[in-house]
Amino acid sequence: MEKNLTMLVAISALALGACTEERTALDRAPGKYERTTVSTDAEGTTTKRESSTEVDVDDEGHKKAVVKSKTTKDPKGLLNKTTTSESKQVIEEKD
């Protein structure tokens, strides 16, 4: 019983986290929002995260958010390769 309850709480937390990101984008006022963070870990790898959110409202009052993110990892050292990943998510308000 306790194992099932723990599993249920973990799954609920993951589902809530996914919904929160979408709700946050749709709760913003129409416009463009940009954010950049740079961090370096103990091994010397520098990670740069860039994200932009563009919120629009159509003629019927429905919001649409386009969230773009780009992550670049640059490991310490001359011969280590830099990796970049990009994603784009379109979130539309439901009736």
C-alpha atoms as a PDB file:
ATOM      1  CA  MET A   1       0.000   0.000   0.000  1.00  0.00           C
ATOM      2  CA  GLU A   2       2.758   2.433   0.967  1.00  0.00           C
ATOM      3  CA  LYS A   3       4.661   1.621  -2.243  1.00  0.00           C
ATOM      4  CA  ASN A   4       1.572   2.394  -4.349  1.00  0.00           C
ATOM      5  CA  LEU A   5       1.005   5.678  -2.525  1.00  0.00           C
ATOM      6  CA  THR A   6       4.634   6.724  -3.097  1.00  0.00           C
ATOM      7  CA  MET A   7       4.343   5.863  -6.791  1.00  0.00           C
ATOM      8  CA  LEU A   8       1.093   7.852  -7.092  1.00  0.00           C
ATOM      9  CA  VAL A   9       2.649  10.921  -5.453  1.00  0.00           C
ATOM     10  CA  ALA A  10       5.689  10.752  -7.755  1.00  0.00           C
ATOM     11  CA  ILE A  11       3.576  10.468 -10.908  1.00  0.00           C
ATOM     12  CA  SER A  12       1.293  13.287  -9.772  1.00  0.00           C
ATOM     13  CA  ALA A  13       4.271  15.558  -9.157  1.00  0.00           C
ATOM     14  CA  LEU A  14       5.646  14.889 -12.649  1.00  0.00           C
ATOM     15  CA  ALA A  15       2.276  15.547 -14.276  1.00  0.00           C
ATOM     16  CA  LEU A  16       1.805  18.754 -12.310  1.00  0.00           C
ATOM     17  CA  GLY A  17       5.269  19.959 -13.313  1.00  0.00           C
ATOM     18  CA  ALA A  18       4.505  19.479 -17.004  1.00  0.00           C
ATOM     19  CA  CYS A  19       1.218  21.387 -16.722  1.00  0.00           C
ATOM     20  CA  THR A  20       2.829  24.234 -14.795  1.00  0.00           C
ATOM     21  CA  GLU A  21       5.221  25.152 -17.627  1.00  0.00           C
ATOM     22  CA  GLU A  22       2.359  25.386 -20.105  1.00  0.00           C
ATOM     23  CA  ARG A  23       0.172  27.384 -17.718  1.00  0.00           C
ATOM     24  CA  THR A  24       3.001  29.800 -16.954  1.00  0.00           C
ATOM     25  CA  ALA A  25       3.495  30.594 -20.650  1.00  0.00           C
ATOM     26  CA  LEU A  26      -0.233  31.165 -21.198  1.00  0.00           C
ATOM     27  CA  ASP A  27      -0.605  33.288 -18.055  1.00  0.00           C
ATOM     28  CA  ARG A  28       1.740  35.938 -19.408  1.00  0.00           C
ATOM     29  CA  ALA A  29       0.537  39.077 -21.130  1.00  0.00           C
ATOM     30  CA  PRO A  30       0.917  39.178 -24.928  1.00  0.00           C
ATOM     31  CA  GLY A  31       4.474  39.974 -25.978  1.00  0.00           C
ATOM     32  CA  LYS A  32       7.943  38.468 -26.245  1.00  0.00           C
ATOM     33  CA  TYR A  33       9.959  37.326 -23.235  1.00  0.00           C
ATOM     34  CA  GLU A  34      13.614  36.293 -23.340  1.00  0.00           C
ATOM     35  CA  ARG A  35      15.894  34.765 -20.711  1.00  0.00           C
ATOM     36  CA  THR A  36      19.542  33.694 -20.750  1.00  0.00           C
ATOM     37  CA  THR A  37      21.436  31.862 -18.007  1.00  0.00           C
ATOM     38  CA  VAL A  38      25.066  30.785 -17.948  1.00  0.00           C
ATOM     39  CA  SER A  39      26.559  28.375 -15.417  1.00  0.00           C
ATOM     40  CA  THR A  40      29.778  26.408 -14.966  1.00  0.00           C
ATOM     41  CA  ASP A  41      29.901  23.099 -13.089  1.00  0.00           C
ATOM     42  CA  ALA A  42      32.737  21.637 -10.993  1.00  0.00           C
ATOM     43  CA  GLU A  43      34.334  19.941 -14.036  1.00  0.00           C
ATOM     44  CA  GLY A  44      34.561  23.246 -15.909  1.00  0.00           C
ATOM     45  CA  THR A  45      31.709  22.624 -18.375  1.00  0.00           C
ATOM     46  CA  THR A  46      29.949  25.873 -19.222  1.00  0.00           C
ATOM     47  CA  THR A  47      26.237  25.595 -19.975  1.00  0.00           C
ATOM     48  CA  LYS A  48      24.330  28.445 -21.614  1.00  0.00           C
ATOM     49  CA  ARG A  49      20.532  28.279 -21.741  1.00  0.00           C
ATOM     50  CA  GLU A  50      18.575  30.708 -23.890  1.00  0.00           C
ATOM     51  CA  SER A  51      14.799  30.710 -23.972  1.00  0.00           C
ATOM     52  CA  SER A  52      12.198  32.924 -25.554  1.00  0.00           C
ATOM     53  CA  THR A  53       8.448  32.893 -25.181  1.00  0.00           C
ATOM     54  CA  GLU A  54       6.175  34.732 -27.586  1.00  0.00           C
ATOM     55  CA  VAL A  55       2.547  35.079 -26.503  1.00  0.00           C
ATOM     56  CA  ASP A  56      -0.165  36.128 -28.966  1.00  0.00           C
ATOM     57  CA  VAL A  57      -3.945  36.479 -28.714  1.00  0.00           C
ATOM     58  CA  ASP A  58      -6.133  35.771 -31.755  1.00  0.00           C
ATOM     59  CA  ASP A  59      -9.353  37.592 -32.740  1.00  0.00           C
ATOM     60  CA  GLU A  60     -11.442  35.229 -30.614  1.00  0.00           C
ATOM     61  CA  GLY A  61      -9.359  35.861 -27.467  1.00  0.00           C
ATOM     62  CA  HIS A  62      -7.504  32.533 -27.436  1.00  0.00           C
ATOM     63  CA  LYS A  63      -3.867  32.691 -26.350  1.00  0.00           C
ATOM     64  CA  LYS A  64      -1.046  30.931 -28.152  1.00  0.00           C
ATOM     65  CA  ALA A  65       2.481  30.714 -26.812  1.00  0.00           C
ATOM     66  CA  VAL A  66       5.558  29.665 -28.760  1.00  0.00           C
ATOM     67  CA  VAL A  67       8.397  28.614 -26.456  1.00  0.00           C
ATOM     68  CA  LYS A  68      11.847  28.206 -28.012  1.00  0.00           C
ATOM     69  CA  SER A  69      14.871  27.040 -26.062  1.00  0.00           C
ATOM     70  CA  LYS A  70      18.515  26.476 -26.909  1.00  0.00           C
ATOM     71  CA  THR A  71      21.106  24.831 -24.661  1.00  0.00           C
ATOM     72  CA  THR A  72      24.824  24.948 -25.430  1.00  0.00           C
ATOM     73  CA  LYS A  73      27.357  22.909 -23.444  1.00  0.00           C
ATOM     74  CA  ASP A  74      31.047  23.737 -23.790  1.00  0.00           C
ATOM     75  CA  PRO A  75      33.297  21.288 -21.912  1.00  0.00           C
ATOM     76  CA  LYS A  76      36.603  22.513 -20.522  1.00  0.00           C
ATOM     77  CA  GLY A  77      39.570  21.829 -22.813  1.00  0.00           C
ATOM     78  CA  LEU A  78      40.593  22.649 -26.365  1.00  0.00           C
ATOM     79  CA  LEU A  79      39.706  19.313 -27.987  1.00  0.00           C
ATOM     80  CA  ASN A  80      36.295  18.829 -26.366  1.00  0.00           C
ATOM     81  CA  LYS A  81      33.353  19.464 -28.666  1.00  0.00           C
ATOM     82  CA  THR A  82      30.600  21.946 -27.943  1.00  0.00           C
ATOM     83  CA  THR A  83      27.091  20.500 -28.147  1.00  0.00           C
ATOM     84  CA  THR A  84      23.904  22.423 -28.840  1.00  0.00           C
ATOM     85  CA  SER A  85      20.294  21.309 -28.541  1.00  0.00           C
ATOM     86  CA  GLU A  86      17.244  23.287 -29.586  1.00  0.00           C
ATOM     87  CA  SER A  87      13.510  22.807 -29.057  1.00  0.00           C
ATOM     88  CA  LYS A  88      10.300  24.569 -29.994  1.00  0.00           C
ATOM     89  CA  GLN A  89       6.954  24.058 -28.278  1.00  0.00           C
ATOM     90  CA  VAL A  90       3.621  25.572 -29.330  1.00  0.00           C
ATOM     91  CA  ILE A  91       1.042  25.856 -26.553  1.00  0.00           C
ATOM     92  CA  GLU A  92      -2.528  26.808 -27.381  1.00  0.00           C
ATOM     93  CA  GLU A  93      -5.275  27.711 -24.946  1.00  0.00           C
ATOM     94  CA  LYS A  94      -8.138  25.246 -24.987  1.00  0.00           C
ATOM     95  CA  ASP A  95     -11.794  26.198 -24.746  1.00  0.00           C
END
